[in-house]
Amino acid sequence: MNESFHRFDTGRARTLSACRAGLAALLLALPFIGFAPLAHAERADKDKPLNIEADNMTYDDLKQVNIFTGHVVATKGTIVIKADRVEVTQDPQGYQYATGTSSGGNLSYFRQKREGIDEYVEGTAIRIDYDGKQDLTTLTTDATVNRLQGLSTLMDTVHGSVITYDGQNDFYTAKAGKDVAGPGNPSGRVRAMLAPRNGGAAPLTGASATLVPSNKIQGTPPQ
């Protein structure tokens, strides 16, 4: 009889311990739920046609690539790419890829609306690669990415050598590089200004911040 009660009491203790551990884990997780992304890049952009204006256009049938030069403006839904030169390809599944480059002191430009809210992600760099299949934008060399409320209020800004924006997961990474080195930042470290989510924009002051690379984004920009 005592052995039966001992087994029951031990089993009940284990059950209560498991329940308490589960409740503790839930309580620890709750404070972080509010930080999950609430919006993503505009989902319909991938299905919209790509429209391009430029001074010149050539088509390389061998490489299956369209090349646009001279004040190029490419739009695809809410996506806007501006550059001196834009190369466009399309894979057999119909996904489109665009590479914008600029020279002579100019920077290429990118902008995309976030879905469901009046916010935009915009950026500048020497080179901008847009991957229509993954909704992935890579800005290379002297890259800056801003999060805007509307089209004018700056909320967040990140500056680095290479910045990758994942529109599907609303996530971006930044890498340091000598091309962004300058007074006060001789090693070219990533610099970021992140506004409080319950407040407005703040000036870029204080020590530079380093973003942690994502383990979800792999590979290198298309050549």
C-alpha atoms as a PDB file:
ATOM      1  CA  MET A   1       0.000   0.000   0.000  1.00  0.00           C
ATOM      2  CA  ASN A   2       2.756   2.476   0.936  1.00  0.00           C
ATOM      3  CA  GLU A   3       4.598   1.643  -2.277  1.00  0.00           C
ATOM      4  CA  SER A   4       1.457   2.405  -4.339  1.00  0.00           C
ATOM      5  CA  PHE A   5       0.996   5.755  -2.636  1.00  0.00           C
ATOM      6  CA  HIS A   6       4.695   6.527  -3.171  1.00  0.00           C
ATOM      7  CA  ARG A   7       4.409   5.797  -6.907  1.00  0.00           C
ATOM      8  CA  PHE A   8       1.262   7.927  -7.197  1.00  0.00           C
ATOM      9  CA  ASP A   9       2.845  10.791  -5.281  1.00  0.00           C
ATOM     10  CA  THR A  10       6.005  10.621  -7.404  1.00  0.00           C
ATOM     11  CA  GLY A  11       4.002  10.587 -10.630  1.00  0.00           C
ATOM     12  CA  ARG A  12       1.894  13.539  -9.511  1.00  0.00           C
ATOM     13  CA  ALA A  13       5.046  15.466  -8.573  1.00  0.00           C
ATOM     14  CA  ARG A  14       6.538  14.847 -12.008  1.00  0.00           C
ATOM     15  CA  THR A  15       3.309  15.981 -13.695  1.00  0.00           C
ATOM     16  CA  LEU A  16       3.150  19.172 -11.606  1.00  0.00           C
ATOM     17  CA  SER A  17       6.811  19.842 -12.335  1.00  0.00           C
ATOM     18  CA  ALA A  18       6.249  19.453 -16.086  1.00  0.00           C
ATOM     19  CA  CYS A  19       3.210  21.755 -15.956  1.00  0.00           C
ATOM     20  CA  ARG A  20       5.150  24.388 -14.046  1.00  0.00           C
ATOM     21  CA  ALA A  21       8.033  24.183 -16.522  1.00  0.00           C
ATOM     22  CA  GLY A  22       5.636  24.558 -19.442  1.00  0.00           C
ATOM     23  CA  LEU A  23       3.903  27.542 -17.812  1.00  0.00           C
ATOM     24  CA  ALA A  24       7.247  29.165 -17.081  1.00  0.00           C
ATOM     25  CA  ALA A  25       8.323  28.736 -20.714  1.00  0.00           C
ATOM     26  CA  LEU A  26       5.048  30.273 -21.909  1.00  0.00           C
ATOM     27  CA  LEU A  27       5.422  33.259 -19.587  1.00  0.00           C
ATOM     28  CA  LEU A  28       8.980  33.784 -20.809  1.00  0.00           C
ATOM     29  CA  ALA A  29       7.835  33.670 -24.431  1.00  0.00           C
ATOM     30  CA  LEU A  30       4.922  36.099 -24.053  1.00  0.00           C
ATOM     31  CA  PRO A  31       7.001  39.309 -23.769  1.00  0.00           C
ATOM     32  CA  PHE A  32       8.656  38.571 -27.122  1.00  0.00           C
ATOM     33  CA  ILE A  33       5.489  37.870 -29.121  1.00  0.00           C
ATOM     34  CA  GLY A  34       4.953  41.565 -29.794  1.00  0.00           C
ATOM     35  CA  PHE A  35       8.302  41.797 -31.571  1.00  0.00           C
ATOM     36  CA  ALA A  36       7.351  39.344 -34.326  1.00  0.00           C
ATOM     37  CA  PRO A  37       7.029  41.041 -37.761  1.00  0.00           C
ATOM     38  CA  LEU A  38       3.492  42.329 -38.284  1.00  0.00           C
ATOM     39  CA  ALA A  39       3.898  43.259 -41.935  1.00  0.00           C
ATOM     40  CA  HIS A  40       5.821  42.092 -44.968  1.00  0.00           C
ATOM     41  CA  ALA A  41       6.673  43.462 -48.368  1.00  0.00           C
ATOM     42  CA  GLU A  42       3.670  43.917 -50.641  1.00  0.00           C
ATOM     43  CA  ARG A  43       2.681  40.343 -51.593  1.00  0.00           C
ATOM     44  CA  ALA A  44       1.092  41.285 -54.929  1.00  0.00           C
ATOM     45  CA  ASP A  45       4.325  42.787 -56.274  1.00  0.00           C
ATOM     46  CA  LYS A  46       5.642  39.412 -57.470  1.00  0.00           C
ATOM     47  CA  ASP A  47       2.652  38.966 -59.796  1.00  0.00           C
ATOM     48  CA  LYS A  48       2.737  42.464 -61.304  1.00  0.00           C
ATOM     49  CA  PRO A  49       4.312  43.176 -64.715  1.00  0.00           C
ATOM     50  CA  LEU A  50       7.736  44.808 -64.865  1.00  0.00           C
ATOM     51  CA  ASN A  51       7.594  48.224 -66.566  1.00  0.00           C
ATOM     52  CA  ILE A  52      10.788  50.018 -67.580  1.00  0.00           C
ATOM     53  CA  GLU A  53      11.615  53.452 -68.959  1.00  0.00           C
ATOM     54  CA  ALA A  54      15.116  54.237 -70.258  1.00  0.00           C
ATOM     55  CA  ASP A  55      17.043  56.173 -72.879  1.00  0.00           C
ATOM     56  CA  ASN A  56      18.185  52.986 -74.635  1.00  0.00           C
ATOM     57  CA  MET A  57      17.423  49.261 -74.713  1.00  0.00           C
ATOM     58  CA  THR A  58      19.212  46.273 -76.202  1.00  0.00           C
ATOM     59  CA  TYR A  59      18.273  42.589 -76.164  1.00  0.00           C
ATOM     60  CA  ASP A  60      20.877  39.829 -76.067  1.00  0.00           C
ATOM     61  CA  ASP A  61      19.107  36.768 -77.478  1.00  0.00           C
ATOM     62  CA  LEU A  62      22.061  34.487 -76.721  1.00  0.00           C
ATOM     63  CA  LYS A  63      22.092  35.368 -73.015  1.00  0.00           C
ATOM     64  CA  GLN A  64      18.336  36.036 -72.866  1.00  0.00           C
ATOM     65  CA  VAL A  65      18.875  39.389 -71.162  1.00  0.00           C
ATOM     66  CA  ASN A  66      17.375  42.840 -71.683  1.00  0.00           C
ATOM     67  CA  ILE A  67      19.758  45.729 -71.050  1.00  0.00           C
ATOM     68  CA  PHE A  68      18.424  49.220 -70.351  1.00  0.00           C
ATOM     69  CA  THR A  69      20.697  52.266 -70.056  1.00  0.00           C
ATOM     70  CA  GLY A  70      20.303  55.960 -69.352  1.00  0.00           C
ATOM     71  CA  HIS A  71      18.103  57.241 -66.487  1.00  0.00           C
ATOM     72  CA  VAL A  72      16.441  53.844 -66.070  1.00  0.00           C
ATOM     73  CA  VAL A  73      13.255  53.620 -64.005  1.00  0.00           C
ATOM     74  CA  ALA A  74      11.872  50.111 -63.413  1.00  0.00           C
ATOM     75  CA  THR A  75       8.569  49.529 -61.575  1.00  0.00           C
ATOM     76  CA  LYS A  76       6.894  46.296 -60.525  1.00  0.00           C
ATOM     77  CA  GLY A  77       3.837  46.921 -58.368  1.00  0.00           C
ATOM     78  CA  THR A  78       5.100  49.047 -55.463  1.00  0.00           C
ATOM     79  CA  ILE A  79       8.739  48.208 -56.287  1.00  0.00           C
ATOM     80  CA  VAL A  80      10.792  51.011 -57.845  1.00  0.00           C
ATOM     81  CA  ILE A  81      14.398  50.667 -59.070  1.00  0.00           C
ATOM     82  CA  LYS A  82      16.325  53.602 -60.535  1.00  0.00           C
ATOM     83  CA  ALA A  83      19.819  53.242 -61.965  1.00  0.00           C
ATOM     84  CA  ASP A  84      22.130  54.190 -64.817  1.00  0.00           C
ATOM     85  CA  ARG A  85      21.908  50.629 -66.161  1.00  0.00           C
ATOM     86  CA  VAL A  86      19.463  47.798 -65.482  1.00  0.00           C
ATOM     87  CA  GLU A  87      19.762  44.214 -66.744  1.00  0.00           C
ATOM     88  CA  VAL A  88      16.619  42.077 -66.664  1.00  0.00           C
ATOM     89  CA  THR A  89      16.337  38.299 -67.006  1.00  0.00           C
ATOM     90  CA  GLN A  90      13.521  35.813 -66.518  1.00  0.00           C
ATOM     91  CA  ASP A  91      13.702  32.127 -65.571  1.00  0.00           C
ATOM     92  CA  PRO A  92      11.584  29.346 -67.141  1.00  0.00           C
ATOM     93  CA  GLN A  93       9.069  29.627 -64.269  1.00  0.00           C
ATOM     94  CA  GLY A  94       8.455  33.275 -65.114  1.00  0.00           C
ATOM     95  CA  TYR A  95      10.272  34.835 -62.154  1.00  0.00           C
ATOM     96  CA  GLN A  96      12.053  38.073 -63.026  1.00  0.00           C
ATOM     97  CA  TYR A  97      15.478  39.285 -61.887  1.00  0.00           C
ATOM     98  CA  ALA A  98      16.873  42.797 -62.216  1.00  0.00           C
ATOM     99  CA  THR A  99      20.352  44.186 -61.589  1.00  0.00           C
ATOM    100  CA  GLY A 100      20.739  47.956 -61.398  1.00  0.00           C
ATOM    101  CA  THR A 101      24.157  49.633 -61.422  1.00  0.00           C
ATOM    102  CA  SER A 102      25.294  53.247 -61.390  1.00  0.00           C
ATOM    103  CA  SER A 103      28.625  54.993 -61.822  1.00  0.00           C
ATOM    104  CA  GLY A 104      30.202  58.419 -61.845  1.00  0.00           C
ATOM    105  CA  GLY A 105      29.212  59.219 -58.283  1.00  0.00           C
ATOM    106  CA  ASN A 106      25.581  58.182 -58.774  1.00  0.00           C
ATOM    107  CA  LEU A 107      23.823  55.626 -56.590  1.00  0.00           C
ATOM    108  CA  SER A 108      21.148  53.181 -57.647  1.00  0.00           C
ATOM    109  CA  TYR A 109      17.811  53.445 -55.800  1.00  0.00           C
ATOM    110  CA  PHE A 110      15.278  50.911 -54.516  1.00  0.00           C
ATOM    111  CA  ARG A 111      11.884  51.256 -52.813  1.00  0.00           C
ATOM    112  CA  GLN A 112       9.116  48.816 -51.837  1.00  0.00           C
ATOM    113  CA  LYS A 113       5.930  49.237 -49.793  1.00  0.00           C
ATOM    114  CA  ARG A 114       5.289  47.075 -46.741  1.00  0.00           C
ATOM    115  CA  GLU A 115       2.020  45.190 -46.892  1.00  0.00           C
ATOM    116  CA  GLY A 116      -0.983  46.454 -44.931  1.00  0.00           C
ATOM    117  CA  ILE A 117       0.619  49.579 -43.449  1.00  0.00           C
ATOM    118  CA  ASP A 118       1.738  52.982 -44.684  1.00  0.00           C
ATOM    119  CA  GLU A 119       5.443  52.178 -44.507  1.00  0.00           C
ATOM    120  CA  TYR A 120       8.147  51.766 -47.127  1.00  0.00           C
ATOM    121  CA  VAL A 121      11.626  50.285 -47.280  1.00  0.00           C
ATOM    122  CA  GLU A 122      13.983  52.264 -49.509  1.00  0.00           C
ATOM    123  CA  GLY A 123      17.679  52.039 -50.164  1.00  0.00           C
ATOM    124  CA  THR A 124      20.611  53.258 -52.230  1.00  0.00           C
ATOM    125  CA  ALA A 125      23.846  51.584 -53.347  1.00  0.00           C
ATOM    126  CA  ILE A 126      26.169  51.332 -56.328  1.00  0.00           C
ATOM    127  CA  ARG A 127      24.582  47.996 -57.264  1.00  0.00           C
ATOM    128  CA  ILE A 128      21.096  46.666 -56.526  1.00  0.00           C
ATOM    129  CA  ASP A 129      20.032  43.071 -57.282  1.00  0.00           C
ATOM    130  CA  TYR A 130      16.358  42.115 -57.127  1.00  0.00           C
ATOM    131  CA  ASP A 131      15.421  38.423 -56.995  1.00  0.00           C
ATOM    132  CA  GLY A 132      11.743  38.107 -57.912  1.00  0.00           C
ATOM    133  CA  LYS A 133      11.507  34.452 -56.920  1.00  0.00           C
ATOM    134  CA  GLN A 134      12.673  34.964 -53.335  1.00  0.00           C
ATOM    135  CA  ASP A 135      11.544  38.611 -53.053  1.00  0.00           C
ATOM    136  CA  LEU A 136      15.133  39.347 -52.063  1.00  0.00           C
ATOM    137  CA  THR A 137      16.934  42.647 -52.663  1.00  0.00           C
ATOM    138  CA  THR A 138      20.696  42.957 -52.225  1.00  0.00           C
ATOM    139  CA  LEU A 139      22.335  46.388 -52.127  1.00  0.00           C
ATOM    140  CA  THR A 140      26.093  46.305 -52.669  1.00  0.00           C
ATOM    141  CA  THR A 141      28.791  48.978 -52.097  1.00  0.00           C
ATOM    142  CA  ASP A 142      28.020  52.097 -50.048  1.00  0.00           C
ATOM    143  CA  ALA A 143      24.597  50.714 -49.176  1.00  0.00           C
ATOM    144  CA  THR A 144      21.925  52.449 -47.093  1.00  0.00           C
ATOM    145  CA  VAL A 145      18.460  51.122 -46.235  1.00  0.00           C
ATOM    146  CA  ASN A 146      15.737  53.217 -44.560  1.00  0.00           C
ATOM    147  CA  ARG A 147      12.354  52.345 -43.115  1.00  0.00           C
ATOM    148  CA  LEU A 148       9.931  55.176 -43.787  1.00  0.00           C
ATOM    149  CA  GLN A 149       6.558  56.015 -42.324  1.00  0.00           C
ATOM    150  CA  GLY A 150       4.658  57.253 -45.338  1.00  0.00           C
ATOM    151  CA  LEU A 151       7.183  58.503 -47.857  1.00  0.00           C
ATOM    152  CA  SER A 152       8.840  61.172 -45.755  1.00  0.00           C
ATOM    153  CA  THR A 153       9.249  60.265 -42.067  1.00  0.00           C
ATOM    154  CA  LEU A 154      12.474  58.378 -41.360  1.00  0.00           C
ATOM    155  CA  MET A 155      12.070  55.649 -38.724  1.00  0.00           C
ATOM    156  CA  ASP A 156      15.124  53.360 -39.064  1.00  0.00           C
ATOM    157  CA  THR A 157      18.295  53.572 -41.124  1.00  0.00           C
ATOM    158  CA  VAL A 158      21.154  51.121 -41.676  1.00  0.00           C
ATOM    159  CA  HIS A 159      24.406  51.860 -43.522  1.00  0.00           C
ATOM    160  CA  GLY A 160      26.924  49.225 -44.575  1.00  0.00           C
ATOM    161  CA  SER A 161      28.890  47.705 -47.421  1.00  0.00           C
ATOM    162  CA  VAL A 162      26.287  45.052 -48.329  1.00  0.00           C
ATOM    163  CA  ILE A 163      22.669  45.047 -47.123  1.00  0.00           C
ATOM    164  CA  THR A 164      20.209  42.287 -47.957  1.00  0.00           C
ATOM    165  CA  TYR A 165      16.458  42.873 -47.557  1.00  0.00           C
ATOM    166  CA  ASP A 166      14.253  39.777 -47.381  1.00  0.00           C
ATOM    167  CA  GLY A 167      10.775  40.986 -48.322  1.00  0.00           C
ATOM    168  CA  GLN A 168       9.095  37.648 -47.583  1.00  0.00           C
ATOM    169  CA  ASN A 169      10.202  37.639 -43.957  1.00  0.00           C
ATOM    170  CA  ASP A 170      10.564  41.407 -43.477  1.00  0.00           C
ATOM    171  CA  PHE A 171      14.178  40.916 -42.428  1.00  0.00           C
ATOM    172  CA  TYR A 172      17.464  42.536 -43.401  1.00  0.00           C
ATOM    173  CA  THR A 173      21.146  42.002 -42.730  1.00  0.00           C
ATOM    174  CA  ALA A 174      24.146  44.271 -43.143  1.00  0.00           C
ATOM    175  CA  LYS A 175      27.878  43.699 -43.564  1.00  0.00           C
ATOM    176  CA  ALA A 176      30.800  46.010 -42.910  1.00  0.00           C
ATOM    177  CA  GLY A 177      33.330  46.979 -45.570  1.00  0.00           C
ATOM    178  CA  LYS A 178      36.101  49.406 -46.442  1.00  0.00           C
ATOM    179  CA  ASP A 179      33.842  51.186 -48.944  1.00  0.00           C
ATOM    180  CA  VAL A 180      31.860  52.722 -46.049  1.00  0.00           C
ATOM    181  CA  ALA A 181      34.921  53.724 -44.038  1.00  0.00           C
ATOM    182  CA  GLY A 182      35.301  57.386 -43.179  1.00  0.00           C
ATOM    183  CA  PRO A 183      36.016  59.888 -40.392  1.00  0.00           C
ATOM    184  CA  GLY A 184      34.908  58.362 -37.118  1.00  0.00           C
ATOM    185  CA  ASN A 185      34.482  54.947 -38.765  1.00  0.00           C
ATOM    186  CA  PRO A 186      37.890  53.969 -40.179  1.00  0.00           C
ATOM    187  CA  SER A 187      37.139  50.233 -40.299  1.00  0.00           C
ATOM    188  CA  GLY A 188      33.852  50.667 -42.176  1.00  0.00           C
ATOM    189  CA  ARG A 189      31.633  49.121 -39.506  1.00  0.00           C
ATOM    190  CA  VAL A 190      27.870  48.851 -39.952  1.00  0.00           C
ATOM    191  CA  ARG A 191      26.010  51.830 -38.501  1.00  0.00           C
ATOM    192  CA  ALA A 192      22.329  51.854 -37.612  1.00  0.00           C
ATOM    193  CA  MET A 193      19.720  54.146 -36.089  1.00  0.00           C
ATOM    194  CA  LEU A 194      16.648  52.273 -34.805  1.00  0.00           C
ATOM    195  CA  ALA A 195      13.735  54.376 -33.575  1.00  0.00           C
ATOM    196  CA  PRO A 196      11.592  53.161 -30.655  1.00  0.00           C
ATOM    197  CA  ARG A 197       8.524  51.365 -31.980  1.00  0.00           C
ATOM    198  CA  ASN A 198       6.294  53.607 -29.872  1.00  0.00           C
ATOM    199  CA  GLY A 199       8.032  56.797 -30.877  1.00  0.00           C
ATOM    200  CA  GLY A 200       9.320  58.777 -33.804  1.00  0.00           C
ATOM    201  CA  ALA A 201      12.648  59.047 -35.534  1.00  0.00           C
ATOM    202  CA  ALA A 202      15.788  60.042 -33.690  1.00  0.00           C
ATOM    203  CA  PRO A 203      19.086  61.475 -34.964  1.00  0.00           C
ATOM    204  CA  LEU A 204      22.021  59.146 -35.624  1.00  0.00           C
ATOM    205  CA  THR A 205      24.158  59.647 -32.510  1.00  0.00           C
ATOM    206  CA  GLY A 206      26.261  57.579 -30.142  1.00  0.00           C
ATOM    207  CA  ALA A 207      28.307  54.477 -30.839  1.00  0.00           C
ATOM    208  CA  SER A 208      27.764  52.464 -33.988  1.00  0.00           C
ATOM    209  CA  ALA A 209      25.645  49.312 -33.803  1.00  0.00           C
ATOM    210  CA  THR A 210      26.417  45.954 -35.415  1.00  0.00           C
ATOM    211  CA  LEU A 211      23.598  43.810 -36.817  1.00  0.00           C
ATOM    212  CA  VAL A 212      23.772  40.038 -36.451  1.00  0.00           C
ATOM    213  CA  PRO A 213      23.758  38.236 -39.833  1.00  0.00           C
ATOM    214  CA  SER A 214      20.720  36.052 -40.526  1.00  0.00           C
ATOM    215  CA  ASN A 215      21.198  32.312 -40.898  1.00  0.00           C
ATOM    216  CA  LYS A 216      18.148  32.194 -43.178  1.00  0.00           C
ATOM    217  CA  ILE A 217      19.705  34.102 -46.049  1.00  0.00           C
ATOM    218  CA  GLN A 218      22.374  32.233 -47.909  1.00  0.00           C
ATOM    219  CA  GLY A 219      24.299  32.597 -51.114  1.00  0.00           C
ATOM    220  CA  THR A 220      25.796  35.606 -52.867  1.00  0.00           C
ATOM    221  CA  PRO A 221      24.293  38.264 -55.138  1.00  0.00           C
ATOM    222  CA  PRO A 222      23.830  37.111 -58.748  1.00  0.00           C
ATOM    223  CA  GLN A 223      26.582  38.135 -61.108  1.00  0.00           C
END
